[in-house]
Amino acid sequence: MSARVHVLAATVLLVACGGGAQSAFSPAAPGPSSALTGQARFTIAIPKTASSATRRPAYISPSTQSITVTTSGPTVLNQTANLTPTSTGCSSTLASTQCVLSLALLPGSYTATITTYDQTGGTGNVLSSGQNVAFTIVAGTANTVALTLSGVPTSYLVATTSPLVSGSMAGGFSIAGINQSPQGFIVEALDADGNAIVGPGSPTYAVSVVSGAGWTTSNPTASKPSVFTVTSPGSGVPATIKVTASYSDATCSLPAAVCSTTFTYANHAQKLFVAQCGSKCAGIGSDELLIYAPPYTGAPAVVTTAMNGPDALGMDGNGNLFVANSGNNSVVALAPPYTGAPIYNFATVPAPDGIAFDADSNLFVSGQNGQINEYAFPYSSLLQNIVSSSDPMPPAVLDGTSHLYLSENSGITQFAPSQYTLATAQINLPGSSGCTKVSRAGVVYFTLPVAGAAEIAQPPYAGFTPTDGNGPFDVTFDSKGNEFTNDADGSIREFAPSGSQIRTILGNITNFAGTNLFQCQYLTMDAADDLFVMENGAGTIAIYQPPYTSAPITLIGHGIVTPQGIFLGP
């Protein structure tokens, strides 16, 4: 007759019957007459630790080396037995160590406390415990006792099941962008030797938010007892999440038991900056910098100080925002939170239309008159003036090796680092000049010729791959190197690095009637591959989330009238 005894990963059989076997228990003190007793016989299988890193369900911890059994009732016992392969009453197989423990008990009702340890002699760390376990011994009958031991947790493992979440329990988890869908996690309680406590004998879990406005959680269910979710508000606010373990018995009252843990969860949602070039560009509206906090559903902060036809936006390594003013040919810089007086304000090239920084925080300002000014930190003096051979179509860009590229009527001019005054290569892509950008990896280069097609080239730029022939205004890249274009026909198209089209994303892109605005810098991606689309005719910014098959999750319209550039900051 048997009953399962659950501890981390094996089976304990408690049999009350006559007869006997060699016991692993030390001999007990003289007890009642054997004629009046029944025998409680324990058969314990201790699994051996797997050689692979894969965790296996375990009811008895593989680290178990000894057990103590204390009874109260007609017979009072306090017995300790070693459970090693060489212990009395134990034998070893490839899969486990089998031990038989026998107790002689008078008939009657009993309460037992059973504890297992990771050292011999009832010493070391407590691995599992059963407290106030009630059972009855009846003379002359087979006594089957149901017994469950609880694994004693001393630490926890929390991991994410979501590809959108990065990090670890030790360093904290993070999710980028404004994603507000539940993200999956798993939790495992670990015993003192790092074995996972799963199955019967494991705790139930409750998950809660300790801090972080707007964050929510869900608890594990009976069908998925270790799985829970955490949902970010998409606001950029970090959170502290708590996982609490509970048992039906008093396991959490044991001195060694640790029955809760916490971890941090950051939301890297970025601020959105919009350069609103009013009277200086479109002839209507105000010259403003609009600053939207994630998830971009509220009204923006509005900056008008030193704004004079704001056009291009960029950010240095210290998080300072740089604004190119086409109205008075100046560059101004704002320190966080970007609403105070400028920390820099200096004259630059005529009609500045592009801002870029290299790895050394040198600033490059390109203008529509064929000039690029380079400034070294702290930008108080001009480092060099780079003059192109023909009127370029800004902005200039830098690749991952700090080579500078400028789109001109004759093609794309490449400038080597440090000595940007001399062109080092001419990339003759078909068509006239257009916009120039690089991917996040800093190696994929593209141009948008006025002829109305997008092209992609990679070092050494010996050839090109046409992608979009629908009069695209701008392009951006996701983390996989896929190209996104917004076209004159009001749609957005996604292309693989090979140039093949993946899908068409419908939009509402329209131009200002009666104007001749330059149509660059109207697409960008955040760190989560959320696609931001400037719809300048409608005065809105649409945000699409991967896989870009649904309507925009957000349509930003607060205060946007004459947008000329968008930028995602920290």
Protein backbone atom coordinates (compact mmCIF):
# COMPACT_ATOMS: atom_id res chain seq x y z
CA MET A 1 0.00 0.00 0.00
CA SER A 2 1.50 3.29 -0.87
CA ALA A 3 1.02 7.04 -0.78
CA ARG A 4 2.90 9.68 -2.78
CA VAL A 5 5.10 12.00 -0.79
CA HIS A 6 5.91 15.05 -2.89
CA VAL A 7 9.07 17.01 -2.36
CA LEU A 8 10.89 18.36 -5.37
CA ALA A 9 11.09 15.64 -7.97
CA ALA A 10 10.57 12.05 -6.96
CA THR A 11 8.15 9.82 -5.07
CA VAL A 12 8.09 9.00 -1.38
CA LEU A 13 6.00 5.94 -0.51
CA LEU A 14 4.71 5.63 3.05
CA VAL A 15 3.49 2.10 3.80
CA ALA A 16 2.06 1.00 7.13
CA CYS A 17 2.05 -2.79 7.28
CA GLY A 18 3.51 -5.76 9.04
CA GLY A 19 6.89 -7.26 8.22
CA GLY A 20 10.08 -5.38 7.81
CA ALA A 21 13.14 -4.60 5.82
CA GLN A 22 16.51 -3.33 6.77
CA SER A 23 15.93 0.28 7.79
CA ALA A 24 18.02 3.34 7.11
CA PHE A 25 16.95 4.78 10.45
CA SER A 26 19.26 4.56 13.41
CA PRO A 27 17.93 2.08 15.97
CA ALA A 28 15.25 3.70 18.11
CA ALA A 29 15.07 3.60 21.85
CA PRO A 30 13.15 0.65 23.32
CA GLY A 31 9.54 1.06 22.29
CA PRO A 32 6.26 -0.76 22.58
CA SER A 33 5.87 -4.48 22.18
CA SER A 34 6.06 -5.49 18.55
CA ALA A 35 2.90 -7.53 19.00
CA LEU A 36 0.94 -4.35 19.52
CA THR A 37 2.51 -2.23 16.79
CA GLY A 38 2.21 -1.57 13.11
CA GLN A 39 5.16 -0.73 10.96
CA ALA A 40 5.40 2.54 8.98
CA ARG A 41 7.62 1.83 6.03
CA PHE A 42 9.03 4.70 3.94
CA THR A 43 10.43 4.06 0.48
CA ILE A 44 12.21 7.15 -0.83
CA ALA A 45 13.59 7.65 -4.35
CA ILE A 46 16.08 10.51 -4.61
CA PRO A 47 16.66 11.47 -8.26
CA LYS A 48 20.19 11.99 -9.42
CA THR A 49 21.09 15.40 -10.84
CA ALA A 50 20.86 15.43 -14.64
CA SER A 51 24.06 16.14 -16.48
CA SER A 52 22.29 18.51 -18.87
CA ALA A 53 21.33 22.04 -17.95
CA THR A 54 17.64 21.24 -18.47
CA ARG A 55 15.65 21.34 -15.25
CA ARG A 56 13.54 18.27 -14.58
CA PRO A 57 10.46 18.15 -12.38
CA ALA A 58 11.45 16.80 -8.97
CA TYR A 59 9.40 16.01 -5.88
CA ILE A 60 12.46 15.03 -3.85
CA SER A 61 15.40 17.34 -4.28
CA PRO A 62 18.35 15.69 -6.01
CA SER A 63 20.48 17.21 -3.27
CA THR A 64 18.75 15.28 -0.47
CA GLN A 65 21.24 13.57 1.86
CA SER A 66 19.23 12.94 5.05
CA ILE A 67 15.74 13.03 6.56
CA THR A 68 14.27 13.55 10.01
CA VAL A 69 10.85 12.28 11.13
CA THR A 70 9.32 13.52 14.36
CA THR A 71 6.00 12.04 15.53
CA SER A 72 3.57 12.93 18.27
CA GLY A 73 0.86 10.47 19.30
CA PRO A 74 0.83 7.07 20.98
CA THR A 75 4.45 6.64 20.00
CA VAL A 76 6.77 9.67 20.18
CA LEU A 77 9.76 9.40 17.89
CA ASN A 78 12.47 11.73 16.61
CA GLN A 79 14.48 9.78 14.05
CA THR A 80 17.20 10.82 11.58
CA ALA A 81 18.36 8.76 8.63
CA ASN A 82 20.99 9.29 5.99
CA LEU A 83 19.88 8.87 2.38
CA THR A 84 23.13 8.44 0.48
CA PRO A 85 23.86 5.54 -1.89
CA THR A 86 26.01 3.89 0.79
CA SER A 87 23.65 4.48 3.74
CA THR A 88 22.05 1.54 5.50
CA GLY A 89 18.83 0.55 3.71
CA CYS A 90 19.78 2.44 0.53
CA SER A 91 20.80 1.28 -2.91
CA SER A 92 21.78 3.12 -6.07
CA THR A 93 20.47 2.92 -9.62
CA LEU A 94 21.33 4.96 -12.69
CA ALA A 95 18.35 7.21 -12.09
CA SER A 96 18.02 7.44 -8.31
CA THR A 97 19.00 6.39 -4.83
CA GLN A 98 16.36 4.11 -3.25
CA CYS A 99 16.04 4.08 0.53
CA VAL A 100 13.69 2.09 2.83
CA LEU A 101 12.86 3.56 6.25
CA SER A 102 10.85 1.61 8.86
CA LEU A 103 9.15 2.86 12.02
CA ALA A 104 7.39 0.73 14.64
CA LEU A 105 4.33 2.65 15.90
CA LEU A 106 1.49 1.89 18.29
CA PRO A 107 -1.97 2.09 16.76
CA GLY A 108 -3.62 5.49 17.02
CA SER A 109 -3.63 8.99 15.58
CA TYR A 110 -0.39 10.77 14.81
CA THR A 111 0.97 14.13 13.75
CA ALA A 112 4.37 14.12 12.08
CA THR A 113 6.93 16.66 10.95
CA ILE A 114 9.22 15.46 8.15
CA THR A 115 12.24 17.44 6.97
CA THR A 116 14.90 16.69 4.36
CA TYR A 117 18.44 18.18 4.28
CA ASP A 118 21.31 18.52 1.85
CA GLN A 119 23.86 17.12 4.35
CA THR A 120 23.96 13.88 6.30
CA GLY A 121 22.88 13.60 9.93
CA GLY A 122 19.98 16.04 9.59
CA THR A 123 22.33 18.97 9.00
CA GLY A 124 22.89 21.53 6.29
CA ASN A 125 20.21 23.35 4.34
CA VAL A 126 16.54 22.43 4.68
CA LEU A 127 15.25 21.29 1.27
CA SER A 128 11.69 20.23 1.97
CA SER A 129 9.31 19.93 4.84
CA GLY A 130 5.96 18.49 5.85
CA GLN A 131 4.50 19.96 9.02
CA ASN A 132 1.52 18.83 11.13
CA VAL A 133 1.00 15.83 8.88
CA ALA A 134 -1.88 13.79 10.30
CA PHE A 135 -2.19 10.02 9.80
CA THR A 136 -3.59 6.99 11.61
CA ILE A 137 -2.08 3.58 12.32
CA VAL A 138 -4.59 0.75 12.75
CA ALA A 139 -3.28 -2.55 14.05
CA GLY A 140 -3.73 -5.55 11.84
CA THR A 141 -4.61 -3.56 8.71
CA ALA A 142 -2.73 -1.95 5.87
CA ASN A 143 -2.38 1.74 6.64
CA THR A 144 -2.02 4.00 3.61
CA VAL A 145 -1.13 7.58 4.47
CA ALA A 146 -1.32 10.46 1.99
CA LEU A 147 1.65 12.71 2.60
CA THR A 148 2.89 15.82 0.79
CA LEU A 149 6.19 17.52 1.49
CA SER A 150 6.70 21.14 0.47
CA GLY A 151 9.90 22.34 -1.11
CA VAL A 152 11.44 25.10 1.02
CA PRO A 153 12.26 28.11 -1.22
CA THR A 154 15.36 30.17 -0.56
CA SER A 155 15.57 32.04 -3.90
CA TYR A 156 13.71 32.48 -7.18
CA LEU A 157 14.27 32.43 -10.89
CA VAL A 158 12.16 34.83 -12.98
CA ALA A 159 12.55 34.85 -16.77
CA THR A 160 10.61 36.36 -19.63
CA THR A 161 8.92 34.40 -22.40
CA SER A 162 8.46 37.50 -24.59
CA PRO A 163 10.81 38.36 -27.47
CA LEU A 164 10.01 42.04 -26.84
CA VAL A 165 11.43 41.99 -23.31
CA SER A 166 15.16 41.91 -22.60
CA GLY A 167 17.26 41.64 -19.46
CA SER A 168 17.35 39.36 -16.44
CA MET A 169 16.10 39.17 -12.90
CA ALA A 170 19.48 40.26 -11.56
CA GLY A 171 19.91 43.29 -13.81
CA GLY A 172 16.24 44.05 -14.35
CA PHE A 173 14.00 43.62 -17.38
CA SER A 174 13.13 46.23 -19.96
CA ILE A 175 10.75 46.75 -22.84
CA ALA A 176 11.13 49.44 -25.45
CA GLY A 177 8.45 51.57 -27.02
CA ILE A 178 4.86 52.17 -26.06
CA ASN A 179 3.69 48.55 -26.21
CA GLN A 180 0.76 48.13 -23.82
CA SER A 181 0.07 44.43 -24.36
CA PRO A 182 0.70 41.83 -21.61
CA GLN A 183 4.19 40.29 -21.72
CA GLY A 184 4.79 36.76 -20.42
CA PHE A 185 7.06 35.69 -17.55
CA ILE A 186 7.74 32.46 -15.67
CA VAL A 187 8.79 31.99 -12.05
CA GLU A 188 10.40 29.06 -10.28
CA ALA A 189 11.13 28.75 -6.60
CA LEU A 190 14.57 27.26 -5.89
CA ASP A 191 15.68 25.29 -2.88
CA ALA A 192 18.90 26.00 -1.01
CA ASP A 193 20.91 24.03 -3.57
CA GLY A 194 19.38 25.77 -6.59
CA ASN A 195 16.97 22.97 -7.58
CA ALA A 196 13.66 24.09 -9.05
CA ILE A 197 10.64 23.39 -6.84
CA VAL A 198 7.91 22.35 -9.28
CA GLY A 199 4.85 20.14 -9.30
CA PRO A 200 3.16 18.97 -6.08
CA GLY A 201 4.99 20.49 -3.16
CA SER A 202 5.64 23.75 -5.03
CA PRO A 203 4.08 27.04 -3.94
CA THR A 204 1.34 29.03 -5.57
CA TYR A 205 2.27 32.55 -6.69
CA ALA A 206 0.68 35.97 -6.54
CA VAL A 207 2.14 38.88 -8.54
CA SER A 208 1.70 42.55 -7.68
CA VAL A 209 3.04 46.00 -8.52
CA VAL A 210 5.12 47.56 -5.73
CA SER A 211 5.76 50.81 -7.61
CA GLY A 212 5.12 52.14 -11.10
CA ALA A 213 2.01 54.08 -12.03
CA GLY A 214 -0.13 52.39 -14.66
CA TRP A 215 1.58 48.99 -14.57
CA THR A 216 -0.62 45.89 -14.14
CA THR A 217 -0.03 42.17 -13.57
CA SER A 218 -1.87 38.87 -13.84
CA ASN A 219 -1.44 35.86 -11.56
CA PRO A 220 -0.58 32.30 -12.61
CA THR A 221 -3.50 29.94 -13.17
CA ALA A 222 -4.10 26.33 -12.21
CA SER A 223 -3.28 25.19 -15.73
CA LYS A 224 -0.14 27.36 -15.90
CA PRO A 225 0.98 27.62 -12.27
CA SER A 226 4.31 29.36 -13.00
CA VAL A 227 3.26 31.73 -15.80
CA PHE A 228 2.21 35.34 -15.27
CA THR A 229 2.08 38.56 -17.26
CA VAL A 230 3.14 42.15 -16.71
CA THR A 231 1.71 45.03 -18.74
CA SER A 232 3.49 48.35 -19.23
CA PRO A 233 1.53 51.61 -19.55
CA GLY A 234 3.93 52.64 -22.33
CA SER A 235 4.70 55.84 -20.48
CA GLY A 236 8.40 55.35 -19.81
CA VAL A 237 7.79 54.91 -16.07
CA PRO A 238 9.77 52.03 -14.49
CA ALA A 239 8.21 49.50 -12.14
CA THR A 240 9.09 47.18 -9.28
CA ILE A 241 7.20 43.88 -9.42
CA LYS A 242 6.75 41.52 -6.48
CA VAL A 243 6.18 37.76 -6.63
CA THR A 244 4.84 36.17 -3.43
CA ALA A 245 4.92 32.41 -2.83
CA SER A 246 2.41 30.75 -0.52
CA TYR A 247 1.79 27.23 0.79
CA SER A 248 -1.17 25.49 2.34
CA ASP A 249 1.01 24.59 5.33
CA ALA A 250 3.43 26.58 7.50
CA THR A 251 6.44 26.27 5.16
CA CYS A 252 6.85 30.05 4.97
CA SER A 253 7.24 30.21 8.74
CA LEU A 254 10.44 28.18 8.61
CA PRO A 255 13.55 30.28 9.31
CA ALA A 256 15.17 29.23 6.02
CA ALA A 257 12.14 29.95 3.86
CA VAL A 258 12.12 33.00 1.57
CA CYS A 259 8.59 33.46 0.31
CA SER A 260 8.78 36.57 -1.89
CA THR A 261 11.05 38.26 -4.37
CA THR A 262 11.04 41.45 -6.44
CA PHE A 263 12.46 42.53 -9.78
CA THR A 264 12.58 45.77 -11.73
CA TYR A 265 11.04 46.37 -15.12
CA ALA A 266 11.99 49.44 -17.14
CA ASN A 267 9.99 50.90 -20.01
CA HIS A 268 12.27 52.65 -22.51
CA ALA A 269 9.60 54.69 -24.25
CA GLN A 270 11.18 57.68 -25.96
CA LYS A 271 10.18 61.32 -26.05
CA LEU A 272 8.98 62.55 -29.42
CA PHE A 273 10.23 65.91 -30.72
CA VAL A 274 8.50 67.69 -33.61
CA ALA A 275 10.03 70.69 -35.39
CA GLN A 276 7.11 72.86 -36.44
CA CYS A 277 8.32 75.26 -39.10
CA GLY A 278 5.44 77.68 -39.51
CA SER A 279 5.73 81.07 -41.22
CA LYS A 280 9.34 80.49 -42.27
CA CYS A 281 8.50 77.27 -44.17
CA ALA A 282 4.81 76.82 -44.93
CA GLY A 283 3.75 80.43 -44.55
CA ILE A 284 1.30 79.52 -41.77
CA GLY A 285 1.48 78.60 -38.11
CA SER A 286 4.09 79.29 -35.46
CA ASP A 287 7.74 78.34 -35.18
CA GLU A 288 7.73 75.83 -32.34
CA LEU A 289 9.36 72.76 -30.89
CA LEU A 290 6.73 70.30 -29.66
CA ILE A 291 7.73 67.71 -27.05
CA TYR A 292 5.46 64.70 -26.51
CA ALA A 293 5.86 62.37 -23.54
CA PRO A 294 5.04 58.70 -24.13
CA PRO A 295 2.52 57.25 -24.83
CA TYR A 296 1.89 60.51 -26.74
CA THR A 297 -1.79 60.82 -25.86
CA GLY A 298 -1.49 64.12 -24.01
CA ALA A 299 -0.83 67.68 -25.11
CA PRO A 300 2.83 68.47 -25.84
CA ALA A 301 5.17 70.86 -24.13
CA VAL A 302 5.67 73.82 -26.47
CA VAL A 303 9.02 75.61 -26.83
CA THR A 304 9.13 78.89 -28.76
CA THR A 305 12.30 80.46 -27.32
CA ALA A 306 15.03 80.72 -30.00
CA MET A 307 12.84 78.84 -32.53
CA ASN A 308 13.16 80.51 -35.98
CA GLY A 309 12.04 78.19 -38.74
CA PRO A 310 13.03 74.96 -36.92
CA ASP A 311 13.82 72.29 -39.44
CA ALA A 312 16.28 69.51 -38.56
CA LEU A 313 16.68 67.88 -35.14
CA GLY A 314 19.50 65.85 -33.60
CA MET A 315 20.86 64.80 -30.22
CA ASP A 316 24.38 64.50 -28.80
CA GLY A 317 25.68 61.81 -26.46
CA ASN A 318 24.67 63.83 -23.40
CA GLY A 319 21.02 63.95 -24.40
CA ASN A 320 21.08 67.59 -25.48
CA LEU A 321 18.67 68.35 -28.33
CA PHE A 322 20.02 70.39 -31.27
CA VAL A 323 17.67 72.35 -33.53
CA ALA A 324 18.66 73.77 -36.93
CA ASN A 325 16.82 77.04 -37.61
CA SER A 326 16.39 77.71 -41.30
CA GLY A 327 14.85 81.11 -40.58
CA ASN A 328 18.03 82.74 -39.26
CA ASN A 329 20.70 80.14 -40.15
CA SER A 330 21.44 79.14 -36.58
CA VAL A 331 21.74 76.09 -34.36
CA VAL A 332 20.39 76.08 -30.82
CA ALA A 333 20.78 73.32 -28.22
CA LEU A 334 18.44 72.55 -25.32
CA ALA A 335 19.37 70.52 -22.26
CA PRO A 336 16.84 68.15 -20.64
CA PRO A 337 13.96 68.68 -19.99
CA TYR A 338 14.31 70.87 -23.11
CA THR A 339 12.02 73.67 -21.97
CA GLY A 340 14.66 76.11 -20.64
CA ALA A 341 16.90 78.65 -22.34
CA PRO A 342 19.34 77.27 -24.96
CA ILE A 343 22.73 76.11 -23.73
CA TYR A 344 24.20 76.76 -27.22
CA ASN A 345 23.13 79.24 -29.88
CA PHE A 346 25.44 79.90 -32.84
CA ALA A 347 25.32 80.84 -36.53
CA THR A 348 25.87 78.14 -39.12
CA VAL A 349 25.56 77.38 -42.85
CA PRO A 350 22.82 79.07 -44.87
CA ALA A 351 19.48 77.21 -44.86
CA PRO A 352 20.58 74.44 -42.43
CA ASP A 353 18.62 71.30 -43.12
CA GLY A 354 20.55 68.44 -41.48
CA ILE A 355 22.21 67.60 -38.15
CA ALA A 356 24.47 64.60 -37.45
CA PHE A 357 26.99 63.57 -34.78
CA ASP A 358 29.97 61.23 -35.06
CA ALA A 359 31.25 58.89 -32.36
CA ASP A 360 33.40 61.68 -30.88
CA SER A 361 30.37 64.01 -30.52
CA ASN A 362 31.56 66.24 -33.36
CA LEU A 363 28.58 68.08 -34.85
CA PHE A 364 27.89 68.26 -38.59
CA VAL A 365 25.39 70.80 -39.92
CA SER A 366 24.52 70.55 -43.62
CA GLY A 367 22.83 73.26 -45.64
CA GLN A 368 21.14 73.56 -48.99
CA ASN A 369 23.92 75.75 -50.42
CA GLY A 370 26.38 72.85 -50.69
CA GLN A 371 28.20 73.35 -47.38
CA ILE A 372 28.65 71.28 -44.26
CA ASN A 373 30.08 72.81 -41.08
CA GLU A 374 31.83 70.57 -38.55
CA TYR A 375 32.00 71.70 -34.92
CA ALA A 376 33.95 70.07 -32.10
CA PHE A 377 32.55 69.96 -28.57
CA PRO A 378 31.68 72.39 -26.97
CA TYR A 379 30.75 73.79 -30.38
CA SER A 380 32.15 77.26 -29.70
CA SER A 381 34.18 77.38 -32.90
CA LEU A 382 34.08 75.97 -36.41
CA LEU A 383 36.34 72.95 -36.87
CA GLN A 384 36.13 72.85 -40.66
CA ASN A 385 33.89 73.78 -43.56
CA ILE A 386 33.20 71.06 -46.10
CA VAL A 387 32.15 72.30 -49.54
CA SER A 388 30.56 69.94 -52.03
CA SER A 389 31.07 70.12 -55.78
CA SER A 390 27.42 70.86 -56.50
CA ASP A 391 24.27 71.76 -54.70
CA PRO A 392 23.56 68.89 -52.30
CA MET A 393 20.24 67.70 -51.06
CA PRO A 394 20.70 67.52 -47.29
CA PRO A 395 20.87 66.13 -44.74
CA ALA A 396 24.33 64.60 -44.71
CA VAL A 397 24.73 61.37 -42.75
CA LEU A 398 27.47 59.36 -41.04
CA ASP A 399 27.80 55.59 -41.21
CA GLY A 400 29.05 53.25 -38.48
CA THR A 401 32.69 54.06 -39.31
CA SER A 402 32.16 57.87 -39.29
CA HIS A 403 32.38 58.21 -43.06
CA LEU A 404 30.33 61.17 -44.19
CA TYR A 405 27.91 60.96 -47.13
CA LEU A 406 26.31 63.78 -49.06
CA SER A 407 23.73 63.41 -51.81
CA GLU A 408 24.47 65.64 -54.81
CA ASN A 409 23.22 66.05 -58.33
CA SER A 410 26.09 63.94 -59.65
CA GLY A 411 25.56 61.12 -57.15
CA ILE A 412 26.69 60.41 -53.59
CA THR A 413 29.96 61.83 -52.30
CA GLN A 414 31.79 59.95 -49.56
CA PHE A 415 34.17 61.73 -47.17
CA ALA A 416 36.67 59.88 -44.99
CA PRO A 417 36.82 60.52 -41.22
CA SER A 418 38.93 63.37 -39.79
CA GLN A 419 39.83 65.00 -43.13
CA TYR A 420 36.36 65.68 -44.42
CA THR A 421 37.60 68.48 -46.68
CA LEU A 422 38.52 65.98 -49.39
CA ALA A 423 36.12 63.62 -51.06
CA THR A 424 37.39 60.03 -51.00
CA ALA A 425 34.82 58.39 -53.27
CA GLN A 426 31.99 59.15 -55.63
CA ILE A 427 29.08 56.74 -55.61
CA ASN A 428 27.29 57.14 -58.91
CA LEU A 429 23.80 55.90 -58.24
CA PRO A 430 21.27 56.52 -61.01
CA GLY A 431 19.06 59.60 -60.79
CA SER A 432 19.59 63.01 -59.31
CA SER A 433 20.13 63.89 -55.69
CA GLY A 434 17.80 62.99 -52.83
CA CYS A 435 17.87 62.18 -49.13
CA THR A 436 20.57 60.06 -47.54
CA LYS A 437 20.24 57.80 -44.49
CA VAL A 438 21.86 54.80 -42.85
CA SER A 439 20.36 51.88 -41.01
CA ARG A 440 20.65 51.35 -37.25
CA ALA A 441 23.63 49.10 -37.89
CA GLY A 442 25.35 52.02 -39.59
CA VAL A 443 26.26 50.10 -42.74
CA VAL A 444 23.28 50.15 -45.12
CA TYR A 445 23.11 53.28 -47.23
CA PHE A 446 20.25 54.62 -49.32
CA THR A 447 19.33 57.56 -51.51
CA LEU A 448 16.01 58.89 -52.72
CA PRO A 449 16.60 60.44 -56.15
CA VAL A 450 14.22 63.12 -57.30
CA ALA A 451 13.45 60.76 -60.16
CA GLY A 452 11.12 59.07 -57.71
CA ALA A 453 12.70 55.79 -56.64
CA ALA A 454 14.41 54.47 -53.53
CA GLU A 455 17.72 52.65 -53.77
CA ILE A 456 19.77 50.65 -51.27
CA ALA A 457 23.52 50.12 -51.44
CA GLN A 458 25.98 48.48 -49.07
CA PRO A 459 29.75 48.94 -48.75
CA PRO A 460 31.68 49.22 -51.00
CA TYR A 461 28.68 50.72 -52.82
CA ALA A 462 29.61 49.18 -56.17
CA GLY A 463 25.97 48.55 -57.01
CA PHE A 464 22.48 49.42 -55.90
CA THR A 465 19.10 47.72 -55.39
CA PRO A 466 15.96 49.61 -56.42
CA THR A 467 13.16 49.23 -53.89
CA ASP A 468 10.38 51.77 -54.23
CA GLY A 469 9.36 53.52 -57.45
CA ASN A 470 6.27 55.26 -56.12
CA GLY A 471 7.75 58.70 -55.44
CA PRO A 472 8.81 58.09 -51.81
CA PHE A 473 9.33 61.09 -49.53
CA ASP A 474 11.47 59.45 -46.86
CA VAL A 475 12.79 56.14 -45.59
CA THR A 476 13.72 54.50 -42.30
CA PHE A 477 15.02 51.08 -41.18
CA ASP A 478 13.94 48.68 -38.45
CA SER A 479 16.28 46.56 -36.32
CA LYS A 480 16.27 43.79 -38.94
CA GLY A 481 17.46 46.12 -41.71
CA ASN A 482 14.06 46.23 -43.41
CA GLU A 483 13.39 49.48 -45.25
CA PHE A 484 10.18 51.50 -44.86
CA THR A 485 9.19 54.22 -47.34
CA ASN A 486 6.29 56.67 -47.37
CA ASP A 487 5.08 57.41 -50.86
CA ALA A 488 3.36 60.19 -52.74
CA ASP A 489 0.36 57.91 -53.24
CA GLY A 490 -0.40 57.95 -49.50
CA SER A 491 0.93 54.50 -48.61
CA ILE A 492 3.87 53.06 -46.68
CA ARG A 493 5.85 50.16 -48.08
CA GLU A 494 8.16 47.72 -46.31
CA PHE A 495 11.11 46.14 -48.14
CA ALA A 496 13.53 43.41 -47.13
CA PRO A 497 17.29 44.13 -47.34
CA SER A 498 17.26 42.17 -50.61
CA GLY A 499 14.96 44.81 -52.11
CA SER A 500 11.85 42.61 -52.29
CA GLN A 501 8.65 44.15 -51.00
CA ILE A 502 7.21 42.61 -47.83
CA ARG A 503 3.92 44.50 -47.53
CA THR A 504 2.08 47.75 -48.16
CA ILE A 505 0.90 49.65 -45.08
CA LEU A 506 -1.94 52.05 -45.82
CA GLY A 507 -1.56 55.60 -44.54
CA ASN A 508 -2.88 59.09 -45.15
CA ILE A 509 0.19 60.98 -46.31
CA THR A 510 -0.64 64.24 -48.08
CA ASN A 511 1.41 67.29 -48.97
CA PHE A 512 0.68 70.91 -48.15
CA ALA A 513 -1.41 72.34 -50.99
CA GLY A 514 0.31 75.09 -52.93
CA THR A 515 3.68 74.63 -51.23
CA ASN A 516 6.98 73.07 -52.28
CA LEU A 517 8.16 71.62 -48.99
CA PHE A 518 11.13 69.28 -48.97
CA GLN A 519 9.78 65.88 -47.98
CA CYS A 520 12.58 64.33 -45.91
CA GLN A 521 12.72 63.32 -42.23
CA TYR A 522 9.11 62.25 -42.02
CA LEU A 523 9.64 58.60 -41.03
CA THR A 524 11.42 57.22 -37.98
CA MET A 525 11.54 54.09 -35.80
CA ASP A 526 11.78 53.77 -32.04
CA ALA A 527 13.82 51.11 -30.25
CA ALA A 528 10.86 48.70 -30.33
CA ASP A 529 10.46 49.01 -34.12
CA ASP A 530 7.33 51.12 -33.72
CA LEU A 531 7.00 53.09 -36.95
CA PHE A 532 6.30 56.83 -36.69
CA VAL A 533 4.84 58.40 -39.82
CA MET A 534 4.60 62.17 -40.22
CA GLU A 535 1.40 62.98 -42.09
CA ASN A 536 2.22 66.59 -42.73
CA GLY A 537 -0.84 67.45 -44.79
CA ALA A 538 -3.18 66.06 -42.13
CA GLY A 539 -1.12 67.53 -39.28
CA THR A 540 -0.80 64.19 -37.47
CA ILE A 541 1.78 61.53 -36.62
CA ALA A 542 0.61 57.91 -36.96
CA ILE A 543 2.31 55.12 -34.99
CA TYR A 544 2.25 51.55 -36.35
CA GLN A 545 3.44 48.54 -34.32
CA PRO A 546 4.97 45.34 -35.72
CA PRO A 547 3.98 43.48 -37.81
CA TYR A 548 2.35 46.63 -39.28
CA THR A 549 -0.78 44.80 -40.43
CA SER A 550 -3.24 46.78 -38.30
CA ALA A 551 -4.40 50.38 -38.09
CA PRO A 552 -2.17 52.86 -36.20
CA ILE A 553 -2.24 52.31 -32.45
CA THR A 554 -1.92 56.06 -31.89
CA LEU A 555 -2.70 59.10 -33.99
CA ILE A 556 -0.99 62.18 -32.53
CA GLY A 557 -2.67 65.42 -33.44
CA HIS A 558 -2.29 67.70 -30.44
CA GLY A 559 -0.79 70.98 -31.66
CA ILE A 560 0.69 69.69 -34.94
CA VAL A 561 0.06 72.06 -37.87
CA THR A 562 3.18 72.52 -39.99
CA PRO A 563 5.62 69.75 -39.05
CA GLN A 564 9.02 69.76 -40.74
CA GLY A 565 10.98 67.18 -38.77
CA ILE A 566 10.49 64.48 -36.12
CA PHE A 567 13.03 62.97 -33.76
CA LEU A 568 12.87 60.34 -31.02
CA GLY A 569 15.00 61.13 -27.98
CA PRO A 570 15.84 59.31 -24.78
